[in-house]
């Protein structure tokens, strides 16, 4: 459930519904473009008050999986990166070690991560894990210098006692550029997928630790003017059962929230 897609007055209602469904964790992205709409201008108020959202989740009995980015995908324009980056440099190589990109990433993380640190589980908060970037193994650049830079930045700001992880598609092809030393690799896939094969791909890179589907898709995206997407409920249940039978951890992507990007 993403705080930036659910109006603040409905946060508690949606969390109560999730608790009633038997869920025990909430996962959310941090959407950079919502918090820095103009260069150096930051907004963490009202519906952008992610700290209040996470504190409410804790009060409701949830732990939190926090997906910081800076790129989040999530069906956001530029994957949640601010539009003004390309005003600064139209030739900027996004999601790479390009200095013209990293200078703004570092500035943003220097603002954001100090706000995250007090919310970590080790500090009495609800955040048990923090994701770095998002599905980077699907990106053409395969820039390990960039991912190592992010890894080191997160460690510097958040400390050594938080689990940092990555998310990638559940095949060797995605994990080839998605796996980063020092970050725990998880996979994502939807209903009807080959569960055993996906987790075998994860195990090839993480011999120890939990099997994790960090984005289990029980449905799919609707696009304006296209036919409504539906998925057979039995297929969803079968895939979920197969994962639980393997003692895997599963995040339902996405539950109990509105999911619309409105443009005009």
Protein backbone atom coordinates (compact mmCIF):
# COMPACT_ATOMS: atom_id res chain seq x y z
CA UNK A 1 0.00 0.00 0.00
CA UNK A 2 1.58 3.23 -1.15
CA UNK A 3 0.99 6.29 1.01
CA UNK A 4 1.11 8.59 -2.02
CA UNK A 5 -1.78 6.78 -3.73
CA UNK A 6 -4.19 6.66 -0.80
CA UNK A 7 -5.53 9.93 0.66
CA UNK A 8 -4.26 10.41 4.20
CA UNK A 9 -7.74 10.24 5.81
CA UNK A 10 -8.07 6.67 4.44
CA UNK A 11 -4.71 5.33 5.58
CA UNK A 12 -6.05 3.86 8.82
CA UNK A 13 -9.11 2.35 7.13
CA UNK A 14 -6.97 0.59 4.50
CA UNK A 15 -4.56 -0.70 7.13
CA UNK A 16 -7.44 -2.05 9.21
CA UNK A 17 -8.67 -3.95 6.15
CA UNK A 18 -5.21 -5.38 5.57
CA UNK A 19 -4.97 -6.49 9.20
CA UNK A 20 -8.40 -8.13 8.92
CA UNK A 21 -7.11 -10.04 5.90
CA UNK A 22 -4.33 -11.52 8.03
CA UNK A 23 -1.43 -9.52 6.57
CA UNK A 24 1.41 -8.62 8.93
CA UNK A 25 3.60 -6.25 6.91
CA UNK A 26 3.13 -3.17 4.77
CA UNK A 27 5.34 -2.38 1.82
CA UNK A 28 5.60 1.08 0.31
CA UNK A 29 7.81 2.98 -2.09
CA UNK A 30 9.18 6.47 -1.49
CA UNK A 31 8.29 8.55 -4.54
CA UNK A 32 11.07 11.10 -5.02
CA UNK A 33 9.09 13.20 -7.49
CA UNK A 34 6.36 13.78 -4.90
CA UNK A 35 8.81 15.03 -2.29
CA UNK A 36 11.06 17.22 -4.43
CA UNK A 37 8.73 18.72 -7.06
CA UNK A 38 11.28 21.44 -7.82
CA UNK A 39 15.04 21.34 -7.29
CA UNK A 40 15.82 21.79 -3.61
CA UNK A 41 12.15 22.28 -2.66
CA UNK A 42 10.98 19.49 -0.35
CA UNK A 43 7.50 18.44 0.74
CA UNK A 44 6.92 15.98 3.57
CA UNK A 45 3.56 17.38 4.66
CA UNK A 46 0.02 15.96 4.67
CA UNK A 47 -0.24 13.09 2.18
CA UNK A 48 3.53 13.20 1.68
CA UNK A 49 4.22 12.63 5.37
CA UNK A 50 5.63 9.14 4.94
CA UNK A 51 6.98 9.12 8.51
CA UNK A 52 3.45 9.55 9.89
CA UNK A 53 2.31 6.76 7.58
CA UNK A 54 4.97 4.38 8.85
CA UNK A 55 4.29 5.31 12.47
CA UNK A 56 0.58 4.60 11.92
CA UNK A 57 1.48 1.22 10.41
CA UNK A 58 3.45 0.45 13.56
CA UNK A 59 0.54 1.47 15.76
CA UNK A 60 -1.68 -0.88 13.73
CA UNK A 61 0.69 -3.77 14.41
CA UNK A 62 2.55 -3.93 11.10
CA UNK A 63 6.20 -4.10 10.25
CA UNK A 64 7.28 -2.20 7.15
CA UNK A 65 9.28 -3.05 4.02
CA UNK A 66 10.50 0.29 2.67
CA UNK A 67 11.41 0.70 -0.99
CA UNK A 68 13.47 3.87 -1.23
CA UNK A 69 14.59 3.88 -4.84
CA UNK A 70 15.66 6.43 -6.05
CA UNK A 71 14.04 4.78 -9.09
CA UNK A 72 10.87 2.95 -8.05
CA UNK A 73 9.00 2.18 -11.31
CA UNK A 74 5.54 1.71 -9.76
CA UNK A 75 3.90 2.94 -12.96
CA UNK A 76 5.14 6.47 -12.23
CA UNK A 77 6.45 8.85 -14.88
CA UNK A 78 10.23 8.33 -15.05
CA UNK A 79 9.77 5.68 -12.37
CA UNK A 80 9.32 8.33 -9.70
CA UNK A 81 12.39 10.36 -10.70
CA UNK A 82 11.69 14.11 -10.81
CA UNK A 83 10.98 15.48 -14.27
CA UNK A 84 13.36 18.38 -13.73
CA UNK A 85 16.40 16.10 -13.86
CA UNK A 86 16.17 16.19 -17.64
CA UNK A 87 15.82 19.96 -17.56
CA UNK A 88 19.14 20.10 -15.78
CA UNK A 89 20.76 17.91 -18.42
CA UNK A 90 18.73 16.54 -21.36
CA UNK A 91 21.54 14.05 -22.00
CA UNK A 92 21.69 12.81 -18.41
CA UNK A 93 22.12 9.04 -18.20
CA UNK A 94 19.53 8.14 -15.60
CA UNK A 95 20.18 5.24 -13.23
CA UNK A 96 23.91 5.22 -13.94
CA UNK A 97 27.13 6.55 -12.44
CA UNK A 98 26.75 9.71 -14.52
CA UNK A 99 27.94 12.52 -12.18
CA UNK A 100 25.22 14.86 -13.44
CA UNK A 101 22.64 12.35 -12.19
CA UNK A 102 24.38 11.21 -9.03
CA UNK A 103 24.79 14.71 -7.65
CA UNK A 104 21.01 15.04 -7.37
CA UNK A 105 20.54 11.47 -6.14
CA UNK A 106 23.07 12.06 -3.37
CA UNK A 107 21.49 15.36 -2.40
CA UNK A 108 18.07 13.70 -2.20
CA UNK A 109 19.32 10.74 -0.18
CA UNK A 110 21.09 13.10 2.22
CA UNK A 111 17.67 14.63 2.91
CA UNK A 112 15.64 11.41 2.92
CA UNK A 113 17.73 8.78 4.67
CA UNK A 114 18.18 10.71 7.94
CA UNK A 115 14.37 10.75 8.12
CA UNK A 116 14.28 6.98 7.57
CA UNK A 117 16.94 6.04 10.13
CA UNK A 118 14.85 6.68 13.29
CA UNK A 119 12.10 4.51 11.78
CA UNK A 120 14.30 1.43 11.45
CA UNK A 121 13.34 -1.60 13.55
CA UNK A 122 16.71 -1.53 15.29
CA UNK A 123 15.89 2.02 16.43
CA UNK A 124 12.42 1.14 17.70
CA UNK A 125 10.58 1.82 14.43
CA UNK A 126 8.65 -0.52 12.10
CA UNK A 127 11.06 -0.71 9.12
CA UNK A 128 12.62 -4.18 8.95
CA UNK A 129 14.19 -4.00 5.47
CA UNK A 130 15.05 -1.29 2.93
CA UNK A 131 15.16 -1.81 -0.82
CA UNK A 132 17.86 -0.19 -2.96
CA UNK A 133 16.80 0.83 -6.51
CA UNK A 134 14.20 -1.38 -8.22
CA UNK A 135 14.46 -4.21 -10.73
CA UNK A 136 17.82 -2.91 -11.89
CA UNK A 137 18.54 -6.19 -13.65
CA UNK A 138 15.89 -5.19 -16.20
CA UNK A 139 17.71 -1.96 -17.09
CA UNK A 140 20.02 -1.80 -20.06
CA UNK A 141 22.88 -0.01 -18.30
CA UNK A 142 23.97 -2.79 -15.92
CA UNK A 143 26.17 -0.22 -14.14
CA UNK A 144 27.61 -1.88 -11.06
CA UNK A 145 29.50 1.28 -10.13
CA UNK A 146 26.12 2.99 -9.75
CA UNK A 147 24.64 0.21 -7.63
CA UNK A 148 27.76 0.03 -5.46
CA UNK A 149 27.54 3.78 -4.95
CA UNK A 150 23.93 3.46 -3.78
CA UNK A 151 24.76 0.50 -1.54
CA UNK A 152 27.56 2.43 0.15
CA UNK A 153 25.40 5.55 0.51
CA UNK A 154 22.60 3.59 2.20
CA UNK A 155 25.07 1.87 4.54
CA UNK A 156 26.71 5.16 5.45
CA UNK A 157 23.37 6.80 6.26
CA UNK A 158 21.43 3.88 7.77
CA UNK A 159 24.16 1.86 9.46
CA UNK A 160 25.12 -1.80 9.38
CA UNK A 161 22.15 -3.25 11.30
CA UNK A 162 19.45 -2.96 8.63
CA UNK A 163 18.89 -5.53 5.88
CA UNK A 164 19.27 -3.87 2.47
CA UNK A 165 17.81 -5.78 -0.47
CA UNK A 166 17.14 -5.72 -4.19
CA UNK A 167 14.18 -6.91 -6.25
CA UNK A 168 14.46 -8.45 -9.71
CA UNK A 169 12.57 -10.78 -11.99
CA UNK A 170 12.82 -14.44 -11.12
CA UNK A 171 15.23 -15.58 -13.83
CA UNK A 172 18.99 -15.71 -14.17
CA UNK A 173 18.83 -13.10 -16.93
CA UNK A 174 17.41 -10.47 -14.58
CA UNK A 175 19.59 -11.40 -11.61
CA UNK A 176 22.78 -11.22 -13.68
CA UNK A 177 22.80 -7.44 -13.41
CA UNK A 178 20.45 -7.20 -10.43
CA UNK A 179 22.59 -9.05 -7.87
CA UNK A 180 24.88 -6.73 -5.91
CA UNK A 181 27.33 -7.81 -3.23
CA UNK A 182 26.17 -6.69 0.20
CA UNK A 183 22.50 -6.48 -0.81
CA UNK A 184 20.14 -9.41 -0.31
CA UNK A 185 18.62 -10.52 -3.63
CA UNK A 186 14.87 -11.16 -3.81
CA UNK A 187 12.70 -11.98 -6.82
CA UNK A 188 9.27 -10.99 -8.08
CA UNK A 189 6.72 -12.81 -10.22
CA UNK A 190 3.00 -13.23 -10.68
CA UNK A 191 0.33 -15.90 -10.59
CA UNK A 192 0.87 -18.80 -12.96
CA UNK A 193 4.65 -18.47 -12.82
CA UNK A 194 7.01 -21.36 -12.26
CA UNK A 195 7.52 -20.88 -8.52
CA UNK A 196 10.23 -23.50 -8.16
CA UNK A 197 12.29 -22.09 -11.04
CA UNK A 198 11.99 -18.51 -9.77
CA UNK A 199 13.18 -19.42 -6.29
CA UNK A 200 15.94 -21.60 -7.71
CA UNK A 201 17.20 -18.50 -9.52
CA UNK A 202 17.18 -16.61 -6.23
CA UNK A 203 18.97 -19.49 -4.46
CA UNK A 204 21.72 -19.42 -7.08
CA UNK A 205 22.62 -15.96 -5.78
CA UNK A 206 21.50 -16.29 -2.16
CA UNK A 207 22.43 -19.78 -0.88
CA UNK A 208 21.22 -18.87 2.60
CA UNK A 209 18.36 -16.80 3.96
CA UNK A 210 14.65 -16.64 3.18
CA UNK A 211 12.99 -17.24 -0.15
CA UNK A 212 11.24 -13.95 -0.95
CA UNK A 213 8.78 -12.91 -3.63
CA UNK A 214 8.89 -9.18 -2.98
CA UNK A 215 6.18 -8.43 -5.58
CA UNK A 216 3.60 -11.16 -6.08
CA UNK A 217 1.15 -9.97 -8.73
CA UNK A 218 -2.36 -11.34 -8.06
CA UNK A 219 -3.62 -9.09 -10.87
CA UNK A 220 -2.29 -6.67 -13.41
CA UNK A 221 -2.41 -3.02 -14.44
CA UNK A 222 -5.40 -1.40 -16.10
CA UNK A 223 -4.65 1.17 -18.79
CA UNK A 224 -7.13 3.82 -19.80
CA UNK A 225 -9.31 2.81 -22.79
CA UNK A 226 -8.09 -0.80 -22.64
CA UNK A 227 -10.04 -3.81 -21.48
CA UNK A 228 -10.12 -4.39 -17.71
CA UNK A 229 -7.43 -6.86 -16.67
CA UNK A 230 -8.61 -9.92 -14.77
CA UNK A 231 -6.79 -12.96 -13.42
CA UNK A 232 -8.32 -16.30 -12.53
CA UNK A 233 -8.69 -16.52 -8.73
CA UNK A 234 -7.84 -20.23 -8.66
CA UNK A 235 -4.56 -19.55 -10.43
CA UNK A 236 -3.68 -16.84 -7.91
CA UNK A 237 -4.51 -19.15 -4.99
CA UNK A 238 -2.52 -22.03 -6.49
CA UNK A 239 0.61 -19.92 -6.95
CA UNK A 240 0.29 -18.45 -3.47
CA UNK A 241 -0.12 -21.93 -1.97
CA UNK A 242 2.99 -23.16 -3.80
CA UNK A 243 5.06 -20.30 -2.36
CA UNK A 244 3.77 -20.79 1.18
CA UNK A 245 4.39 -24.53 0.92
CA UNK A 246 8.06 -23.65 0.32
CA UNK A 247 8.01 -21.46 3.45
CA UNK A 248 8.59 -18.36 1.32
CA UNK A 249 7.82 -14.80 2.31
CA UNK A 250 5.35 -13.09 -0.02
CA UNK A 251 4.32 -9.50 -0.61
CA UNK A 252 0.94 -9.10 -2.31
CA UNK A 253 1.41 -6.37 -4.90
CA UNK A 254 -0.75 -4.48 -4.39
CA UNK A 255 -3.40 -4.84 -1.68
CA UNK A 256 -6.02 -2.55 -0.15
CA UNK A 257 -5.24 0.61 -2.04
CA UNK A 258 -6.28 2.81 -4.90
CA UNK A 259 -3.86 2.57 -7.77
CA UNK A 260 -4.45 5.27 -10.32
CA UNK A 261 -2.15 7.80 -11.92
CA UNK A 262 -4.29 10.72 -12.99
CA UNK A 263 -2.99 13.10 -15.65
CA UNK A 264 -4.46 15.97 -17.55
